[in-house]
Amino acid sequence: MKNKFGIFVVCLFCQLIIGQTNSRKSLHGQVVNSSLPIETGYVMNINAKIRTYIGPKGLFDILARPKDTLLFTGLAFQSKKIVLTEKDFAEVLFSVPLDLVNIELKEVLVHKELKISSLDGGSQRFVDTQFEDDKQSTAKNTAMYSDQTIKYGTDFVRIFKDVKKLLRKDKEVEEEVISDIAFVAYAKDNFTPDFYIKTLGLKEDEIDLFLMYCSNDSESKRHLKTDQKFEMIDFMINKNKEFKKAEMNQK
């Protein structure tokens, strides 16, 4: 009875996997760059856990569906993550622009700050100077009330709040990108290429793809400390097992 139940569970699991694959269709795409043609690299569907090569003229084919996340990595270009939409499948050839690797780039984190600089102190002394005038000769200020408010003036407080909201939205997107880059950079700085090639059995051009795949897991952010190195090794070994199961479609 137990054996029959086990066979039933296995069959059900296989049907679910097949069903998920069948619900996806082949996405025909091309990676492009304005300076140089890209003809090597990988494309990975994180949700379906499948990957394929980038071939001649940057062409690739991969099973996908809307809302799937694709990872593009290679030695010649900077890694990129894209969430697919319905519009992408309506195109005959899905085009993905990629930036070439800049070997001179040392710092990739950009911190956005809103700074308000004060007026130069040299002119402030004229504002602070008190002048003696009688009431009759002093012109009436119709632009500003006695309480220092301006009639029909610009609401700088509201503008400041609006700008702050926009920066907050940009920061949320930026933090997601930075967290991926931070994990990849940390992993490369703390582990030698031999660890990825000999221990994990990865090819040299697969390392970036693997690290980007790991960074997509929220758990990866917990190990970005020097005292978490052994936990990070264990995490990457387990993720490597998932990574190895990804189907390689060579076309």
Protein backbone atom coordinates (compact mmCIF):
# COMPACT_ATOMS: atom_id res chain seq x y z
CA MET A 1 0.00 0.00 0.00
CA LYS A 2 2.85 2.36 0.89
CA ASN A 3 4.59 1.58 -2.40
CA LYS A 4 1.44 2.41 -4.38
CA PHE A 5 1.07 5.68 -2.50
CA GLY A 6 4.72 6.54 -3.19
CA ILE A 7 4.30 5.84 -6.90
CA PHE A 8 1.16 7.99 -6.94
CA VAL A 9 3.03 10.92 -5.34
CA VAL A 10 5.89 10.62 -7.84
CA CYS A 11 3.49 10.54 -10.79
CA LEU A 12 1.60 13.55 -9.45
CA PHE A 13 4.85 15.47 -9.03
CA CYS A 14 5.92 14.63 -12.58
CA GLN A 15 2.56 15.78 -13.94
CA LEU A 16 2.92 19.10 -12.12
CA ILE A 17 6.40 19.63 -13.57
CA ILE A 18 5.21 18.74 -17.08
CA GLY A 19 2.18 20.99 -16.66
CA GLN A 20 4.36 23.94 -15.67
CA THR A 21 6.65 23.38 -18.66
CA ASN A 22 3.74 22.99 -21.08
CA SER A 23 2.25 26.29 -19.91
CA ARG A 24 5.36 28.04 -21.17
CA LYS A 25 6.15 28.68 -24.80
CA SER A 26 9.35 29.31 -26.68
CA LEU A 27 10.56 32.89 -26.51
CA HIS A 28 12.74 33.91 -29.46
CA GLY A 29 15.14 36.67 -28.49
CA GLN A 30 18.34 38.47 -29.31
CA VAL A 31 20.83 40.28 -27.08
CA VAL A 32 22.29 43.40 -28.67
CA ASN A 33 24.88 46.08 -28.06
CA SER A 34 25.46 49.24 -30.11
CA SER A 35 29.25 48.83 -30.12
CA LEU A 36 30.01 45.13 -30.47
CA PRO A 37 28.04 41.98 -31.34
CA ILE A 38 27.41 39.61 -28.40
CA GLU A 39 27.67 35.93 -29.31
CA THR A 40 28.43 34.17 -26.02
CA GLY A 41 26.80 33.92 -22.61
CA TYR A 42 23.81 32.41 -20.89
CA VAL A 43 20.12 33.09 -20.43
CA MET A 44 18.41 31.56 -17.41
CA ASN A 45 14.73 31.42 -16.52
CA ILE A 46 14.82 31.58 -12.72
CA ASN A 47 11.19 30.55 -12.26
CA ALA A 48 11.37 27.51 -14.55
CA LYS A 49 14.99 26.72 -13.55
CA ILE A 50 16.09 26.25 -17.15
CA ARG A 51 18.88 27.88 -19.08
CA THR A 52 20.26 28.14 -22.55
CA TYR A 53 23.22 29.51 -24.49
CA ILE A 54 23.44 32.78 -26.36
CA GLY A 55 24.43 31.81 -29.88
CA PRO A 56 25.69 33.54 -33.05
CA LYS A 57 24.32 37.06 -33.61
CA GLY A 58 23.14 37.05 -29.98
CA LEU A 59 20.15 34.81 -30.70
CA PHE A 60 18.57 32.59 -28.05
CA ASP A 61 15.43 30.52 -27.45
CA ILE A 62 14.05 29.67 -24.02
CA LEU A 63 10.76 28.43 -22.59
CA ALA A 64 9.03 31.19 -20.65
CA ARG A 65 5.77 32.95 -19.84
CA PRO A 66 4.78 36.42 -18.60
CA LYS A 67 6.08 37.34 -15.12
CA ASP A 68 9.03 34.92 -15.44
CA THR A 69 12.40 36.43 -14.53
CA LEU A 70 15.26 36.03 -17.02
CA LEU A 71 18.92 36.42 -16.12
CA PHE A 72 21.47 37.36 -18.77
CA THR A 73 25.15 36.84 -17.94
CA GLY A 74 28.43 36.48 -19.78
CA LEU A 75 32.08 37.46 -19.69
CA ALA A 76 31.66 40.24 -22.26
CA PHE A 77 28.65 42.07 -20.83
CA GLN A 78 27.19 43.18 -17.52
CA SER A 79 24.60 40.86 -15.98
CA LYS A 80 20.98 41.89 -16.38
CA LYS A 81 17.66 40.78 -14.89
CA ILE A 82 14.35 41.17 -16.77
CA VAL A 83 10.78 40.36 -15.71
CA LEU A 84 8.82 39.34 -18.82
CA THR A 85 5.48 40.88 -19.81
CA GLU A 86 2.74 39.97 -22.29
CA LYS A 87 4.15 42.57 -24.69
CA ASP A 88 7.48 40.73 -24.90
CA PHE A 89 5.78 37.65 -26.33
CA ALA A 90 3.93 39.70 -28.95
CA GLU A 91 7.23 40.60 -30.62
CA VAL A 92 8.60 38.41 -33.42
CA LEU A 93 12.09 38.76 -31.94
CA PHE A 94 12.42 39.89 -28.33
CA SER A 95 15.36 42.33 -28.21
CA VAL A 96 17.44 42.76 -25.04
CA PRO A 97 20.04 45.59 -24.95
CA LEU A 98 23.09 44.75 -22.82
CA ASP A 99 26.00 46.89 -21.64
CA LEU A 100 29.56 45.70 -22.17
CA VAL A 101 31.74 45.07 -19.13
CA ASN A 102 33.75 48.12 -18.13
CA ILE A 103 36.98 46.78 -16.66
CA GLU A 104 37.84 50.24 -15.32
CA LEU A 105 34.67 50.37 -13.21
CA LYS A 106 35.77 50.14 -9.58
CA GLU A 107 32.73 51.44 -7.71
CA VAL A 108 29.24 50.35 -8.74
CA LEU A 109 27.15 51.59 -5.83
CA VAL A 110 25.53 54.97 -6.31
CA HIS A 111 24.08 56.69 -3.27
CA LYS A 112 21.31 59.18 -3.94
CA GLU A 113 21.13 62.08 -1.52
CA LEU A 114 18.98 65.17 -1.46
CA LYS A 115 21.16 68.10 -0.44
CA ILE A 116 20.02 71.65 0.19
CA SER A 117 22.88 74.12 0.16
CA SER A 118 22.61 77.38 2.08
CA LEU A 119 23.30 80.83 0.65
CA ASP A 120 26.84 82.10 0.72
CA GLY A 121 27.64 83.68 4.06
CA GLY A 122 28.98 86.81 2.37
CA SER A 123 25.53 87.99 1.34
CA GLN A 124 23.88 87.10 4.65
CA ARG A 125 25.28 90.15 6.38
CA PHE A 126 23.13 92.41 4.18
CA VAL A 127 20.00 90.49 5.18
CA ASP A 128 20.86 90.79 8.88
CA THR A 129 21.54 94.56 8.69
CA GLN A 130 18.87 96.68 10.37
CA PHE A 131 17.81 99.90 8.66
CA GLU A 132 16.08 102.88 10.29
CA ASP A 133 13.21 104.27 8.19
CA ASP A 134 10.06 106.12 9.17
CA LYS A 135 6.69 104.55 8.39
CA GLN A 136 5.79 107.13 5.76
CA SER A 137 8.90 106.64 3.60
CA THR A 138 8.92 102.83 3.88
CA ALA A 139 7.31 101.16 0.87
CA LYS A 140 4.53 98.70 1.67
CA ASN A 141 5.46 95.11 0.89
CA THR A 142 2.47 93.70 -0.98
CA ALA A 143 4.23 90.45 -1.82
CA MET A 144 4.93 89.28 1.72
CA TYR A 145 2.73 89.51 4.81
CA SER A 146 4.03 90.52 8.23
CA ASP A 147 4.21 86.87 9.28
CA GLN A 148 6.83 86.30 6.50
CA THR A 149 4.47 84.27 4.28
CA ILE A 150 4.16 85.01 0.56
CA LYS A 151 0.79 85.55 -1.06
CA TYR A 152 0.25 83.13 -3.96
CA GLY A 153 3.79 81.89 -3.34
CA THR A 154 5.24 78.47 -4.22
CA ASP A 155 4.63 75.76 -1.65
CA PHE A 156 8.22 74.54 -1.22
CA VAL A 157 7.24 72.15 1.56
CA ARG A 158 4.85 70.32 -0.77
CA ILE A 159 7.47 70.22 -3.55
CA PHE A 160 10.04 68.83 -1.12
CA LYS A 161 7.64 66.07 -0.07
CA ASP A 162 6.87 65.19 -3.70
CA VAL A 163 10.57 64.99 -4.57
CA LYS A 164 11.17 62.85 -1.52
CA LYS A 165 8.46 60.42 -2.64
CA LEU A 166 10.03 60.11 -6.09
CA LEU A 167 13.47 59.47 -4.61
CA ARG A 168 11.99 56.86 -2.30
CA LYS A 169 10.55 54.98 -5.29
CA ASP A 170 13.89 55.18 -7.12
CA LYS A 171 15.68 53.97 -4.01
CA GLU A 172 13.47 50.88 -3.74
CA VAL A 173 14.40 49.87 -7.30
CA GLU A 174 18.04 50.79 -6.72
CA GLU A 175 18.27 48.75 -3.51
CA GLU A 176 17.13 45.62 -5.37
CA VAL A 177 19.87 46.07 -7.99
CA ILE A 178 22.50 46.97 -5.40
CA SER A 179 21.69 43.91 -3.28
CA ASP A 180 22.33 41.64 -6.28
CA ILE A 181 25.56 43.41 -7.17
CA ALA A 182 26.69 43.44 -3.54
CA PHE A 183 26.28 39.67 -3.20
CA VAL A 184 28.13 38.95 -6.47
CA ALA A 185 30.97 41.32 -5.56
CA TYR A 186 31.25 39.92 -2.02
CA ALA A 187 31.25 36.31 -3.24
CA LYS A 188 33.98 37.02 -5.80
CA ASP A 189 36.15 38.89 -3.29
CA ASN A 190 35.93 36.18 -0.61
CA PHE A 191 36.21 33.01 -2.70
CA THR A 192 38.83 32.12 -5.29
CA PRO A 193 37.95 30.98 -8.83
CA ASP A 194 39.13 27.48 -7.81
CA PHE A 195 36.26 27.26 -5.34
CA TYR A 196 33.69 27.81 -8.11
CA ILE A 197 35.49 25.76 -10.77
CA LYS A 198 36.92 22.85 -8.77
CA THR A 199 34.65 22.64 -5.72
CA LEU A 200 31.34 23.57 -7.33
CA GLY A 201 32.21 22.26 -10.79
CA LEU A 202 31.26 25.43 -12.65
CA LYS A 203 32.70 26.69 -15.90
CA GLU A 204 34.43 30.06 -15.78
CA ASP A 205 31.69 31.74 -17.81
CA GLU A 206 29.00 30.21 -15.56
CA ILE A 207 30.21 31.82 -12.34
CA ASP A 208 28.41 35.16 -12.80
CA LEU A 209 25.20 33.40 -13.80
CA PHE A 210 25.40 31.17 -10.74
CA LEU A 211 26.03 34.09 -8.38
CA MET A 212 23.18 36.11 -9.88
CA TYR A 213 20.98 33.05 -9.47
CA CYS A 214 22.00 32.84 -5.81
CA SER A 215 21.39 36.56 -5.26
CA ASN A 216 17.78 36.10 -6.34
CA ASP A 217 17.24 34.09 -3.14
CA SER A 218 16.53 36.43 -0.21
CA GLU A 219 18.61 34.19 2.06
CA SER A 220 21.78 35.29 0.22
CA LYS A 221 21.62 38.72 1.92
CA ARG A 222 21.98 37.10 5.36
CA HIS A 223 25.51 35.88 4.68
CA LEU A 224 27.25 39.11 3.67
CA LYS A 225 29.37 39.18 6.84
CA THR A 226 32.84 37.87 7.56
CA ASP A 227 31.59 35.66 10.40
CA GLN A 228 29.05 34.03 8.05
CA LYS A 229 31.58 32.59 5.59
CA PHE A 230 30.91 28.92 6.43
CA GLU A 231 27.16 29.50 6.27
CA MET A 232 27.64 31.14 2.87
CA ILE A 233 29.63 28.15 1.60
CA ASP A 234 26.85 25.82 2.71
CA PHE A 235 24.27 28.10 1.07
CA MET A 236 26.13 28.15 -2.27
CA ILE A 237 26.66 24.37 -2.26
CA ASN A 238 22.91 23.83 -1.83
CA LYS A 239 22.08 26.42 -4.50
CA ASN A 240 24.58 24.75 -6.83
CA LYS A 241 22.54 21.53 -6.66
CA GLU A 242 19.50 23.46 -7.92
CA PHE A 243 21.61 25.24 -10.51
CA LYS A 244 22.98 21.96 -11.90
CA LYS A 245 19.46 20.63 -12.42
CA ALA A 246 18.66 23.45 -14.84
CA GLU A 247 18.10 22.07 -18.32
CA MET A 248 20.68 23.05 -20.91
CA ASN A 249 19.06 23.84 -24.27
CA GLN A 250 21.73 24.10 -26.94
CA LYS A 251 20.32 25.25 -30.24
